[in-house]
Amino acid sequence: MNLLQETPLGNTVGSLSSTQHAVLVGSLLGDGTLRRQGKRINALLEVNHAWQNKEYVDWKYQVFQSHVLTPPRRRQGNGKRVAYRFTTRSLPVFTNYYRWFYQDRKKAIPSDLSLDPMALAVWFMDDGSKSRSACYLNTQQFSVREQQLLRRVLWNTFGIESDLNRDKQYFRLRITTESTRRLVDLIWPFVLPLFRYKFMTDPVTTDPKGEASISD
């Protein structure tokens, strides 16, 4: 399935297409990073995933290829981890998103965040999992206040209900059993075949039984 062909590129958000905007926002909610190098004024996007997700990185590269000079490359990380990554050029359009998504050089959830199904799908492909009858989004990098904001966005935009599920000393978003089917229906057309295993009932890192949840 070629999502680039199935997703219209005509509508633009700033100087990014609607597809590029959705993939960027979904990536920033997940593993994507915007950063300024040295004394450069403008920011760049770094896409960095494990080698086994090479197909996913190549897909993101297709999305942003017009803003990239060097194709993705394999990179040996710490220990046995092998990464596959690329960076875009440092451009004003990414600086705009950097100002939107970062505070004091730390990623933060914008108060005016909006999502569409494609952004939600990318977020899930980056940081989602399913255990038993519920889906999880690994939002541990964000504060509880920011995660409550994400809960409101999911509810107000898609009617998806979630709560905060304790994962060791942090929290993550748990999509309720009742809303998991709606989540899957919304994002399924955009999920790469590589990630459809995530909808199987594989265990996640922490057994949710007995963990504290925050729903208000």
N, C-alpha and C. Protein backbone atom coordinates (compact mmCIF):
# COMPACT_ATOMS: atom_id res chain seq x y z
N MET A 1 0.85 -1.19 0.00
CA MET A 1 0.00 0.00 0.00
C MET A 1 0.88 1.23 0.00
N ASN A 2 0.64 2.14 -0.92
CA ASN A 2 1.42 3.38 -1.00
C ASN A 2 0.60 4.52 -0.45
N LEU A 3 0.89 4.90 0.80
CA LEU A 3 0.10 5.94 1.44
C LEU A 3 0.32 7.28 0.78
N LEU A 4 1.47 7.48 0.15
CA LEU A 4 1.73 8.75 -0.49
C LEU A 4 0.81 8.95 -1.67
N GLN A 5 0.46 7.88 -2.35
CA GLN A 5 -0.46 7.98 -3.47
C GLN A 5 -1.90 8.11 -2.99
N GLU A 6 -2.20 7.49 -1.85
CA GLU A 6 -3.57 7.47 -1.37
C GLU A 6 -3.93 8.73 -0.59
N THR A 7 -2.93 9.50 -0.19
CA THR A 7 -3.19 10.70 0.60
C THR A 7 -2.99 11.93 -0.26
N PRO A 8 -4.00 12.80 -0.42
CA PRO A 8 -3.84 13.98 -1.26
C PRO A 8 -2.79 14.93 -0.72
N LEU A 9 -1.98 15.49 -1.61
CA LEU A 9 -0.93 16.40 -1.22
C LEU A 9 -1.27 17.84 -1.57
N GLY A 10 -2.45 18.07 -2.08
CA GLY A 10 -2.76 19.39 -2.60
C GLY A 10 -2.88 20.46 -1.54
N ASN A 11 -3.54 20.17 -0.44
CA ASN A 11 -3.72 21.17 0.62
C ASN A 11 -2.42 21.35 1.38
N THR A 12 -2.04 22.57 1.61
CA THR A 12 -0.79 22.83 2.31
C THR A 12 -1.04 23.54 3.62
N VAL A 13 -0.15 23.32 4.59
CA VAL A 13 -0.17 24.01 5.86
C VAL A 13 1.15 24.75 5.94
N GLY A 14 1.13 26.07 5.76
CA GLY A 14 2.38 26.81 5.62
C GLY A 14 3.05 26.38 4.34
N SER A 15 4.33 25.97 4.43
CA SER A 15 5.02 25.47 3.25
C SER A 15 5.15 23.96 3.27
N LEU A 16 4.43 23.28 4.17
CA LEU A 16 4.35 21.83 4.16
C LEU A 16 3.01 21.41 3.59
N SER A 17 2.99 20.27 2.90
CA SER A 17 1.72 19.72 2.45
C SER A 17 0.94 19.21 3.66
N SER A 18 -0.33 18.92 3.47
CA SER A 18 -1.14 18.41 4.58
C SER A 18 -0.61 17.07 5.07
N THR A 19 -0.10 16.25 4.15
CA THR A 19 0.49 14.98 4.55
C THR A 19 1.76 15.20 5.37
N GLN A 20 2.62 16.08 4.91
CA GLN A 20 3.85 16.38 5.65
C GLN A 20 3.53 16.93 7.04
N HIS A 21 2.54 17.80 7.11
CA HIS A 21 2.13 18.34 8.40
C HIS A 21 1.67 17.23 9.34
N ALA A 22 0.82 16.34 8.85
CA ALA A 22 0.29 15.26 9.69
C ALA A 22 1.40 14.33 10.16
N VAL A 23 2.30 13.97 9.26
CA VAL A 23 3.40 13.06 9.62
C VAL A 23 4.35 13.74 10.60
N LEU A 24 4.58 15.02 10.42
CA LEU A 24 5.45 15.75 11.35
C LEU A 24 4.83 15.83 12.73
N VAL A 25 3.56 16.20 12.81
CA VAL A 25 2.90 16.31 14.12
C VAL A 25 2.86 14.94 14.81
N GLY A 26 2.48 13.89 14.07
CA GLY A 26 2.47 12.56 14.66
C GLY A 26 3.84 12.13 15.14
N SER A 27 4.86 12.47 14.37
CA SER A 27 6.24 12.12 14.76
C SER A 27 6.68 12.87 16.00
N LEU A 28 6.30 14.14 16.11
CA LEU A 28 6.70 14.92 17.27
C LEU A 28 6.00 14.45 18.54
N LEU A 29 4.82 13.89 18.41
CA LEU A 29 4.16 13.27 19.56
C LEU A 29 4.85 11.97 19.94
N GLY A 30 5.57 11.39 18.98
CA GLY A 30 6.28 10.14 19.21
C GLY A 30 7.78 10.33 19.31
N ASP A 31 8.50 9.74 18.36
CA ASP A 31 9.96 9.69 18.46
C ASP A 31 10.69 10.78 17.68
N GLY A 32 9.96 11.60 16.94
CA GLY A 32 10.61 12.62 16.12
C GLY A 32 11.21 13.74 16.96
N THR A 33 12.25 14.36 16.41
CA THR A 33 12.96 15.43 17.12
C THR A 33 13.21 16.60 16.18
N LEU A 34 12.93 17.79 16.66
CA LEU A 34 13.34 19.02 15.99
C LEU A 34 14.47 19.63 16.80
N ARG A 35 15.50 20.12 16.14
CA ARG A 35 16.61 20.75 16.87
C ARG A 35 17.33 21.76 16.00
N ARG A 36 17.95 22.69 16.69
CA ARG A 36 18.82 23.66 16.05
C ARG A 36 20.27 23.21 16.23
N GLN A 37 21.04 23.24 15.16
CA GLN A 37 22.43 22.84 15.23
C GLN A 37 23.33 24.05 15.44
N GLY A 38 24.12 23.99 16.48
CA GLY A 38 25.07 25.07 16.73
C GLY A 38 24.39 26.42 16.83
N LYS A 39 24.88 27.36 16.04
CA LYS A 39 24.35 28.72 16.07
C LYS A 39 23.36 28.97 14.93
N ARG A 40 22.92 27.91 14.28
CA ARG A 40 21.97 28.09 13.18
C ARG A 40 20.63 28.61 13.70
N ILE A 41 20.03 29.47 12.92
CA ILE A 41 18.75 30.06 13.30
C ILE A 41 17.62 29.06 13.13
N ASN A 42 17.67 28.29 12.04
CA ASN A 42 16.56 27.40 11.70
C ASN A 42 16.76 25.99 12.24
N ALA A 43 15.64 25.31 12.42
CA ALA A 43 15.63 23.95 12.97
C ALA A 43 15.57 22.92 11.86
N LEU A 44 15.96 21.69 12.22
CA LEU A 44 15.83 20.55 11.31
C LEU A 44 15.04 19.45 12.01
N LEU A 45 14.52 18.54 11.21
CA LEU A 45 13.81 17.37 11.72
C LEU A 45 14.73 16.17 11.66
N GLU A 46 14.84 15.44 12.76
CA GLU A 46 15.58 14.17 12.77
C GLU A 46 14.59 13.02 12.93
N VAL A 47 14.67 12.06 12.02
CA VAL A 47 13.88 10.84 12.09
C VAL A 47 14.85 9.70 12.38
N ASN A 48 14.63 9.01 13.48
CA ASN A 48 15.58 8.01 13.95
C ASN A 48 14.80 6.84 14.56
N HIS A 49 14.86 5.69 13.90
CA HIS A 49 14.19 4.50 14.41
C HIS A 49 15.14 3.32 14.37
N ALA A 50 14.76 2.24 14.99
CA ALA A 50 15.57 1.03 14.98
C ALA A 50 15.67 0.47 13.56
N TRP A 51 16.77 -0.22 13.29
CA TRP A 51 17.04 -0.76 11.96
C TRP A 51 15.89 -1.64 11.45
N GLN A 52 15.25 -2.39 12.35
CA GLN A 52 14.17 -3.28 11.92
C GLN A 52 12.96 -2.50 11.40
N ASN A 53 12.92 -1.21 11.66
CA ASN A 53 11.84 -0.35 11.14
C ASN A 53 12.31 0.47 9.94
N LYS A 54 13.25 -0.08 9.21
CA LYS A 54 13.81 0.58 8.03
C LYS A 54 12.72 1.02 7.06
N GLU A 55 11.73 0.17 6.83
CA GLU A 55 10.64 0.49 5.90
C GLU A 55 9.90 1.75 6.33
N TYR A 56 9.74 1.92 7.63
CA TYR A 56 9.05 3.09 8.18
C TYR A 56 9.87 4.36 7.95
N VAL A 57 11.16 4.28 8.21
CA VAL A 57 12.04 5.43 7.98
C VAL A 57 12.05 5.79 6.49
N ASP A 58 12.12 4.79 5.63
CA ASP A 58 12.09 5.05 4.19
C ASP A 58 10.79 5.73 3.77
N TRP A 59 9.69 5.34 4.41
CA TRP A 59 8.40 5.97 4.11
C TRP A 59 8.40 7.43 4.55
N LYS A 60 8.91 7.70 5.75
CA LYS A 60 8.99 9.10 6.20
C LYS A 60 9.93 9.90 5.31
N TYR A 61 10.99 9.25 4.85
CA TYR A 61 11.91 9.93 3.94
C TYR A 61 11.19 10.33 2.65
N GLN A 62 10.35 9.45 2.12
CA GLN A 62 9.56 9.80 0.93
C GLN A 62 8.70 11.03 1.19
N VAL A 63 8.12 11.08 2.38
CA VAL A 63 7.24 12.20 2.72
C VAL A 63 8.02 13.53 2.72
N PHE A 64 9.23 13.52 3.28
CA PHE A 64 10.00 14.76 3.45
C PHE A 64 11.15 14.90 2.46
N GLN A 65 11.17 14.08 1.44
CA GLN A 65 12.32 14.04 0.54
C GLN A 65 12.69 15.39 -0.05
N SER A 66 11.69 16.22 -0.32
CA SER A 66 11.97 17.53 -0.90
C SER A 66 12.75 18.44 0.04
N HIS A 67 12.80 18.08 1.32
CA HIS A 67 13.52 18.88 2.31
C HIS A 67 14.78 18.19 2.82
N VAL A 68 15.19 17.10 2.17
CA VAL A 68 16.31 16.30 2.64
C VAL A 68 17.41 16.27 1.58
N LEU A 69 18.66 16.39 2.02
CA LEU A 69 19.79 16.31 1.09
C LEU A 69 20.39 14.92 1.02
N THR A 70 20.45 14.22 2.16
CA THR A 70 21.09 12.91 2.23
C THR A 70 20.08 11.84 2.62
N PRO A 71 19.96 10.75 1.84
CA PRO A 71 19.01 9.67 2.18
C PRO A 71 19.31 9.04 3.52
N PRO A 72 18.37 8.25 4.05
CA PRO A 72 18.59 7.60 5.35
C PRO A 72 19.83 6.72 5.35
N ARG A 73 20.44 6.65 6.52
CA ARG A 73 21.65 5.84 6.68
C ARG A 73 21.56 4.99 7.93
N ARG A 74 22.20 3.84 7.86
CA ARG A 74 22.32 2.96 9.01
C ARG A 74 23.37 3.54 9.96
N ARG A 75 23.11 3.42 11.26
CA ARG A 75 24.04 3.98 12.24
C ARG A 75 24.12 3.08 13.46
N GLN A 76 25.33 2.74 13.84
CA GLN A 76 25.54 1.91 15.02
C GLN A 76 25.36 2.76 16.27
N GLY A 77 24.45 2.34 17.15
CA GLY A 77 24.21 3.08 18.37
C GLY A 77 24.99 2.51 19.53
N ASN A 78 24.57 2.84 20.73
CA ASN A 78 25.20 2.29 21.92
C ASN A 78 24.87 0.81 22.06
N GLY A 79 25.84 0.02 22.45
CA GLY A 79 25.58 -1.41 22.61
C GLY A 79 25.29 -2.07 21.28
N LYS A 80 24.24 -2.89 21.26
CA LYS A 80 23.89 -3.64 20.06
C LYS A 80 22.86 -2.92 19.18
N ARG A 81 22.35 -1.81 19.64
CA ARG A 81 21.30 -1.13 18.88
C ARG A 81 21.84 -0.56 17.58
N VAL A 82 21.13 -0.84 16.50
CA VAL A 82 21.47 -0.28 15.20
C VAL A 82 20.30 0.59 14.76
N ALA A 83 20.58 1.84 14.48
CA ALA A 83 19.54 2.80 14.10
C ALA A 83 19.57 3.04 12.59
N TYR A 84 18.48 3.59 12.11
CA TYR A 84 18.36 3.99 10.71
C TYR A 84 17.73 5.37 10.73
N ARG A 85 18.40 6.37 10.14
CA ARG A 85 17.97 7.74 10.39
C ARG A 85 18.26 8.65 9.21
N PHE A 86 17.60 9.81 9.24
CA PHE A 86 17.93 10.90 8.34
C PHE A 86 17.56 12.21 9.01
N THR A 87 18.11 13.29 8.51
CA THR A 87 17.73 14.62 8.96
C THR A 87 17.36 15.46 7.74
N THR A 88 16.47 16.39 7.95
CA THR A 88 16.14 17.35 6.90
C THR A 88 17.16 18.48 6.91
N ARG A 89 17.02 19.37 5.95
CA ARG A 89 17.78 20.61 6.01
C ARG A 89 17.22 21.50 7.12
N SER A 90 18.03 22.42 7.58
CA SER A 90 17.56 23.42 8.54
C SER A 90 16.80 24.49 7.78
N LEU A 91 15.49 24.57 8.03
CA LEU A 91 14.61 25.43 7.23
C LEU A 91 13.64 26.21 8.12
N PRO A 92 13.21 27.39 7.66
CA PRO A 92 12.26 28.18 8.44
C PRO A 92 10.98 27.43 8.78
N VAL A 93 10.49 26.58 7.87
CA VAL A 93 9.24 25.89 8.15
C VAL A 93 9.37 24.99 9.38
N PHE A 94 10.53 24.34 9.56
CA PHE A 94 10.72 23.50 10.74
C PHE A 94 10.95 24.35 11.99
N THR A 95 11.48 25.54 11.80
CA THR A 95 11.63 26.46 12.93
C THR A 95 10.27 26.86 13.48
N ASN A 96 9.30 27.04 12.60
CA ASN A 96 7.94 27.36 13.05
C ASN A 96 7.38 26.25 13.93
N TYR A 97 7.60 24.99 13.54
CA TYR A 97 7.12 23.85 14.33
C TYR A 97 7.94 23.72 15.62
N TYR A 98 9.22 24.06 15.54
CA TYR A 98 10.06 24.04 16.74
C TYR A 98 9.51 25.01 17.79
N ARG A 99 9.15 26.20 17.33
CA ARG A 99 8.58 27.18 18.26
C ARG A 99 7.23 26.73 18.79
N TRP A 100 6.51 25.97 18.02
CA TRP A 100 5.19 25.48 18.41
C TRP A 100 5.29 24.34 19.42
N PHE A 101 6.28 23.46 19.23
CA PHE A 101 6.37 22.21 19.99
C PHE A 101 7.44 22.21 21.08
N TYR A 102 8.25 23.26 21.17
CA TYR A 102 9.35 23.23 22.14
C TYR A 102 9.32 24.46 23.05
N GLN A 103 9.66 24.21 24.32
CA GLN A 103 9.81 25.28 25.30
C GLN A 103 11.14 25.06 26.01
N ASP A 104 12.00 26.06 25.95
CA ASP A 104 13.34 25.95 26.55
C ASP A 104 14.05 24.70 26.06
N ARG A 105 13.95 24.47 24.76
CA ARG A 105 14.61 23.36 24.07
C ARG A 105 14.09 21.99 24.47
N LYS A 106 12.98 21.93 25.16
CA LYS A 106 12.37 20.66 25.55
C LYS A 106 11.03 20.51 24.85
N LYS A 107 10.77 19.31 24.34
CA LYS A 107 9.50 19.07 23.65
C LYS A 107 8.33 19.23 24.60
N ALA A 108 7.29 19.91 24.15
CA ALA A 108 6.11 20.17 24.96
C ALA A 108 4.88 20.10 24.07
N ILE A 109 3.73 19.81 24.65
CA ILE A 109 2.49 19.72 23.88
C ILE A 109 1.90 21.11 23.71
N PRO A 110 1.69 21.56 22.47
CA PRO A 110 1.09 22.89 22.27
C PRO A 110 -0.33 22.94 22.80
N SER A 111 -0.71 24.06 23.36
CA SER A 111 -2.07 24.20 23.90
C SER A 111 -3.13 24.18 22.81
N ASP A 112 -2.73 24.55 21.58
CA ASP A 112 -3.69 24.57 20.46
C ASP A 112 -3.48 23.39 19.52
N LEU A 113 -2.97 22.28 20.04
CA LEU A 113 -2.73 21.10 19.21
C LEU A 113 -4.02 20.59 18.58
N SER A 114 -3.94 20.25 17.30
CA SER A 114 -5.05 19.58 16.62
C SER A 114 -4.50 18.38 15.86
N LEU A 115 -5.34 17.36 15.72
CA LEU A 115 -4.92 16.12 15.08
C LEU A 115 -5.91 15.71 14.01
N ASP A 116 -5.42 14.96 13.02
CA ASP A 116 -6.31 14.28 12.09
C ASP A 116 -5.95 12.79 12.14
N PRO A 117 -6.73 11.92 11.49
CA PRO A 117 -6.45 10.48 11.60
C PRO A 117 -5.05 10.08 11.17
N MET A 118 -4.49 10.75 10.18
CA MET A 118 -3.14 10.37 9.74
C MET A 118 -2.10 10.70 10.81
N ALA A 119 -2.20 11.89 11.42
CA ALA A 119 -1.28 12.23 12.50
C ALA A 119 -1.42 11.24 13.65
N LEU A 120 -2.65 10.86 13.96
CA LEU A 120 -2.90 9.89 15.01
C LEU A 120 -2.26 8.54 14.67
N ALA A 121 -2.35 8.15 13.39
CA ALA A 121 -1.75 6.88 12.96
C ALA A 121 -0.23 6.90 13.11
N VAL A 122 0.40 8.01 12.71
CA VAL A 122 1.85 8.11 12.83
C VAL A 122 2.26 8.08 14.31
N TRP A 123 1.52 8.78 15.13
CA TRP A 123 1.78 8.76 16.58
C TRP A 123 1.72 7.33 17.09
N PHE A 124 0.70 6.58 16.66
CA PHE A 124 0.57 5.19 17.12
C PHE A 124 1.70 4.33 16.58
N MET A 125 2.07 4.50 15.30
CA MET A 125 3.16 3.70 14.75
C MET A 125 4.47 3.99 15.47
N ASP A 126 4.67 5.23 15.88
CA ASP A 126 5.87 5.61 16.64
C ASP A 126 5.84 5.02 18.04
N ASP A 127 4.74 5.19 18.75
CA ASP A 127 4.75 4.97 20.20
C ASP A 127 3.55 4.21 20.74
N GLY A 128 2.83 3.51 19.88
CA GLY A 128 1.63 2.82 20.34
C GLY A 128 1.83 1.32 20.51
N SER A 129 0.95 0.72 21.29
CA SER A 129 0.95 -0.73 21.48
C SER A 129 -0.44 -1.16 21.89
N LYS A 130 -0.68 -2.46 21.85
CA LYS A 130 -1.96 -3.00 22.27
C LYS A 130 -1.72 -4.16 23.21
N SER A 131 -2.48 -4.21 24.28
CA SER A 131 -2.41 -5.30 25.23
C SER A 131 -3.82 -5.70 25.62
N ARG A 132 -4.12 -6.97 25.44
CA ARG A 132 -5.46 -7.45 25.66
C ARG A 132 -6.45 -6.64 24.82
N SER A 133 -7.37 -5.93 25.44
CA SER A 133 -8.41 -5.23 24.67
C SER A 133 -8.22 -3.73 24.64
N ALA A 134 -7.07 -3.24 25.12
CA ALA A 134 -6.84 -1.79 25.18
C ALA A 134 -5.56 -1.42 24.44
N CYS A 135 -5.55 -0.19 23.93
CA CYS A 135 -4.35 0.34 23.29
C CYS A 135 -3.67 1.34 24.23
N TYR A 136 -2.37 1.49 24.05
CA TYR A 136 -1.58 2.39 24.86
C TYR A 136 -0.76 3.31 23.96
N LEU A 137 -0.57 4.54 24.40
CA LEU A 137 0.34 5.48 23.76
C LEU A 137 1.39 5.85 24.78
N ASN A 138 2.64 5.61 24.45
CA ASN A 138 3.72 5.80 25.42
C ASN A 138 4.11 7.28 25.49
N THR A 139 3.42 7.97 26.34
CA THR A 139 3.57 9.42 26.48
C THR A 139 4.36 9.81 27.71
N GLN A 140 5.19 8.88 28.19
CA GLN A 140 5.92 9.11 29.44
C GLN A 140 6.84 10.33 29.38
N GLN A 141 7.22 10.75 28.18
CA GLN A 141 8.12 11.91 28.07
C GLN A 141 7.42 13.23 28.41
N PHE A 142 6.09 13.21 28.47
CA PHE A 142 5.33 14.43 28.73
C PHE A 142 4.82 14.46 30.17
N SER A 143 4.58 15.67 30.65
CA SER A 143 4.08 15.84 32.01
C SER A 143 2.64 15.36 32.11
N VAL A 144 2.18 15.17 33.33
CA VAL A 144 0.79 14.77 33.55
C VAL A 144 -0.16 15.83 32.98
N ARG A 145 0.16 17.09 33.18
CA ARG A 145 -0.69 18.16 32.63
C ARG A 145 -0.77 18.06 31.10
N GLU A 146 0.36 17.82 30.46
CA GLU A 146 0.36 17.70 29.00
C GLU A 146 -0.40 16.46 28.54
N GLN A 147 -0.30 15.40 29.30
CA GLN A 147 -1.04 14.19 28.94
C GLN A 147 -2.54 14.38 29.11
N GLN A 148 -2.93 15.17 30.10
CA GLN A 148 -4.35 15.49 30.23
C GLN A 148 -4.83 16.30 29.03
N LEU A 149 -3.98 17.18 28.53
CA LEU A 149 -4.31 17.93 27.32
C LEU A 149 -4.47 16.98 26.14
N LEU A 150 -3.59 16.00 26.01
CA LEU A 150 -3.71 15.01 24.93
C LEU A 150 -5.01 14.22 25.06
N ARG A 151 -5.40 13.90 26.27
CA ARG A 151 -6.67 13.20 26.49
C ARG A 151 -7.84 14.03 25.97
N ARG A 152 -7.81 15.33 26.26
CA ARG A 152 -8.90 16.19 25.80
C ARG A 152 -8.92 16.30 24.28
N VAL A 153 -7.74 16.38 23.67
CA VAL A 153 -7.68 16.45 22.20
C VAL A 153 -8.27 15.17 21.60
N LEU A 154 -7.91 14.02 22.14
CA LEU A 154 -8.44 12.75 21.62
C LEU A 154 -9.96 12.69 21.76
N TRP A 155 -10.46 13.16 22.88
CA TRP A 155 -11.90 13.11 23.12
C TRP A 155 -12.65 14.12 22.25
N ASN A 156 -12.16 15.36 22.24
CA ASN A 156 -12.85 16.42 21.51
C ASN A 156 -12.78 16.23 20.00
N THR A 157 -11.70 15.65 19.50
CA THR A 157 -11.51 15.50 18.06
C THR A 157 -12.12 14.22 17.53
N PHE A 158 -11.92 13.12 18.26
CA PHE A 158 -12.30 11.80 17.73
C PHE A 158 -13.33 11.07 18.58
N GLY A 159 -13.68 11.61 19.74
CA GLY A 159 -14.56 10.87 20.64
C GLY A 159 -13.87 9.65 21.23
N ILE A 160 -12.54 9.71 21.35
CA ILE A 160 -11.76 8.60 21.92
C ILE A 160 -11.53 8.89 23.40
N GLU A 161 -11.94 7.97 24.24
CA GLU A 161 -11.80 8.11 25.68
C GLU A 161 -10.52 7.43 26.15
N SER A 162 -9.82 8.08 27.06
CA SER A 162 -8.56 7.53 27.56
C SER A 162 -8.39 7.90 29.02
N ASP A 163 -7.43 7.25 29.67
CA ASP A 163 -7.05 7.63 31.01
C ASP A 163 -5.54 7.54 31.13
N LEU A 164 -5.01 8.00 32.25
CA LEU A 164 -3.58 7.92 32.50
C LEU A 164 -3.28 6.64 33.26
N ASN A 165 -2.40 5.84 32.69
CA ASN A 165 -2.07 4.54 33.24
C ASN A 165 -0.64 4.58 33.77
N ARG A 166 -0.45 4.20 35.04
CA ARG A 166 0.88 4.28 35.63
C ARG A 166 1.81 3.22 35.03
N ASP A 167 2.99 3.68 34.61
CA ASP A 167 4.03 2.79 34.10
C ASP A 167 5.29 3.07 34.92
N LYS A 168 5.48 2.26 35.97
CA LYS A 168 6.55 2.50 36.93
C LYS A 168 6.35 3.88 37.56
N GLN A 169 7.31 4.80 37.44
CA GLN A 169 7.14 6.11 38.09
C GLN A 169 6.48 7.13 37.18
N TYR A 170 6.15 6.74 35.95
CA TYR A 170 5.57 7.66 34.99
C TYR A 170 4.15 7.24 34.63
N PHE A 171 3.52 8.06 33.78
CA PHE A 171 2.21 7.71 33.25
C PHE A 171 2.27 7.67 31.73
N ARG A 172 1.33 6.94 31.17
CA ARG A 172 1.13 6.89 29.72
C ARG A 172 -0.36 6.89 29.47
N LEU A 173 -0.76 7.10 28.23
CA LEU A 173 -2.18 7.11 27.90
C LEU A 173 -2.67 5.70 27.61
N ARG A 174 -3.77 5.35 28.23
CA ARG A 174 -4.45 4.09 27.95
C ARG A 174 -5.77 4.40 27.27
N ILE A 175 -5.95 3.90 26.06
CA ILE A 175 -7.23 4.05 25.37
C ILE A 175 -8.18 3.00 25.92
N THR A 176 -9.36 3.42 26.34
CA THR A 176 -10.28 2.47 26.95
C THR A 176 -10.68 1.38 25.98
N THR A 177 -11.11 0.27 26.53
CA THR A 177 -11.55 -0.85 25.69
C THR A 177 -12.64 -0.41 24.73
N GLU A 178 -13.56 0.41 25.22
CA GLU A 178 -14.68 0.86 24.38
C GLU A 178 -14.21 1.72 23.22
N SER A 179 -13.13 2.49 23.40
CA SER A 179 -12.66 3.39 22.35
C SER A 179 -11.57 2.79 21.47
N THR A 180 -11.04 1.64 21.87
CA THR A 180 -9.97 1.02 21.08
C THR A 180 -10.44 0.69 19.67
N ARG A 181 -11.65 0.17 19.54
CA ARG A 181 -12.16 -0.15 18.20
C ARG A 181 -12.27 1.10 17.35
N ARG A 182 -12.70 2.21 17.93
CA ARG A 182 -12.79 3.46 17.17
C ARG A 182 -11.40 3.92 16.74
N LEU A 183 -10.43 3.82 17.64
CA LEU A 183 -9.06 4.18 17.29
C LEU A 183 -8.57 3.36 16.10
N VAL A 184 -8.75 2.07 16.18
CA VAL A 184 -8.29 1.19 15.10
C VAL A 184 -8.98 1.53 13.79
N ASP A 185 -10.28 1.76 13.83
CA ASP A 185 -11.01 2.09 12.60
C ASP A 185 -10.50 3.38 11.98
N LEU A 186 -10.14 4.36 12.82
CA LEU A 186 -9.68 5.65 12.32
C LEU A 186 -8.31 5.56 11.66
N ILE A 187 -7.39 4.83 12.30
CA ILE A 187 -6.01 4.87 11.83
C ILE A 187 -5.64 3.74 10.88
N TRP A 188 -6.45 2.69 10.82
CA TRP A 188 -6.10 1.51 10.01
C TRP A 188 -5.73 1.85 8.56
N PRO A 189 -6.44 2.75 7.87
CA PRO A 189 -6.07 3.03 6.47
C PRO A 189 -4.68 3.64 6.31
N PHE A 190 -4.10 4.18 7.38
CA PHE A 190 -2.81 4.85 7.30
C PHE A 190 -1.66 4.04 7.91
N VAL A 191 -1.98 2.93 8.55
CA VAL A 191 -0.95 2.13 9.23
C VAL A 191 -0.21 1.26 8.22
N LEU A 192 1.10 1.36 8.19
CA LEU A 192 1.90 0.53 7.30
C LEU A 192 1.78 -0.94 7.71
N PRO A 193 1.79 -1.85 6.75
CA PRO A 193 1.72 -3.28 7.08
C PRO A 193 2.76 -3.70 8.11
N LEU A 194 3.91 -3.04 8.10
CA LEU A 194 4.98 -3.33 9.05
C LEU A 194 4.51 -3.26 10.50
N PHE A 195 3.52 -2.40 10.77
CA PHE A 195 3.10 -2.15 12.15
C PHE A 195 1.76 -2.78 12.51
N ARG A 196 1.19 -3.56 11.64
CA ARG A 196 -0.11 -4.12 11.97
C ARG A 196 -0.04 -5.18 13.06
N TYR A 197 1.19 -5.65 13.34
CA TYR A 197 1.36 -6.55 14.47
C TYR A 197 0.98 -5.87 15.78
N LYS A 198 1.03 -4.53 15.81
CA LYS A 198 0.73 -3.82 17.04
C LYS A 198 -0.72 -3.98 17.47
N PHE A 199 -1.56 -4.45 16.56
CA PHE A 199 -2.96 -4.63 16.91
C PHE A 199 -3.24 -6.03 17.42
N MET A 200 -2.20 -6.86 17.45
CA MET A 200 -2.35 -8.16 18.06
C MET A 200 -2.31 -7.99 19.57
N THR A 201 -2.73 -9.01 20.29
CA THR A 201 -2.78 -8.90 21.76
C THR A 201 -1.46 -9.31 22.37
N ASP A 202 -0.38 -8.66 21.92
CA ASP A 202 0.93 -8.92 22.51
C ASP A 202 1.03 -8.17 23.82
N PRO A 203 1.76 -8.71 24.78
CA PRO A 203 1.92 -8.00 26.06
C PRO A 203 2.77 -6.76 25.88
N VAL A 204 2.50 -5.75 26.71
CA VAL A 204 3.34 -4.56 26.74
C VAL A 204 4.27 -4.65 27.92
N THR A 205 5.09 -3.62 28.10
CA THR A 205 6.15 -3.68 29.10
C THR A 205 5.62 -3.97 30.50
N THR A 206 4.52 -3.32 30.86
CA THR A 206 4.02 -3.43 32.22
C THR A 206 2.61 -3.96 32.21
N ASP A 207 2.34 -4.93 33.02
CA ASP A 207 0.98 -5.46 33.14
C ASP A 207 0.10 -4.41 33.77
N PRO A 208 -1.00 -4.00 33.08
CA PRO A 208 -1.82 -2.92 33.64
C PRO A 208 -2.62 -3.31 34.87
N LYS A 209 -2.73 -4.61 35.18
CA LYS A 209 -3.51 -5.01 36.34
C LYS A 209 -2.87 -4.47 37.62
N GLY A 210 -3.69 -3.84 38.41
CA GLY A 210 -3.22 -3.33 39.68
C GLY A 210 -2.56 -1.98 39.61
N GLU A 211 -2.42 -1.41 38.38
CA GLU A 211 -1.78 -0.11 38.27
C GLU A 211 -2.79 1.01 38.49
N ALA A 212 -2.32 2.11 38.97
CA ALA A 212 -3.19 3.26 39.19
C ALA A 212 -3.52 3.92 37.86
N SER A 213 -4.72 4.43 37.75
CA SER A 213 -5.12 5.18 36.56
C SER A 213 -5.74 6.49 37.01
N ILE A 214 -5.59 7.50 36.17
CA ILE A 214 -6.19 8.80 36.42
C ILE A 214 -7.15 9.09 35.27
N SER A 215 -8.39 9.28 35.56
CA SER A 215 -9.36 9.51 34.50
C SER A 215 -9.97 10.90 34.56
N ASP A 216 -9.69 11.66 35.56
CA ASP A 216 -10.26 13.00 35.69
C ASP A 216 -9.16 14.04 35.72
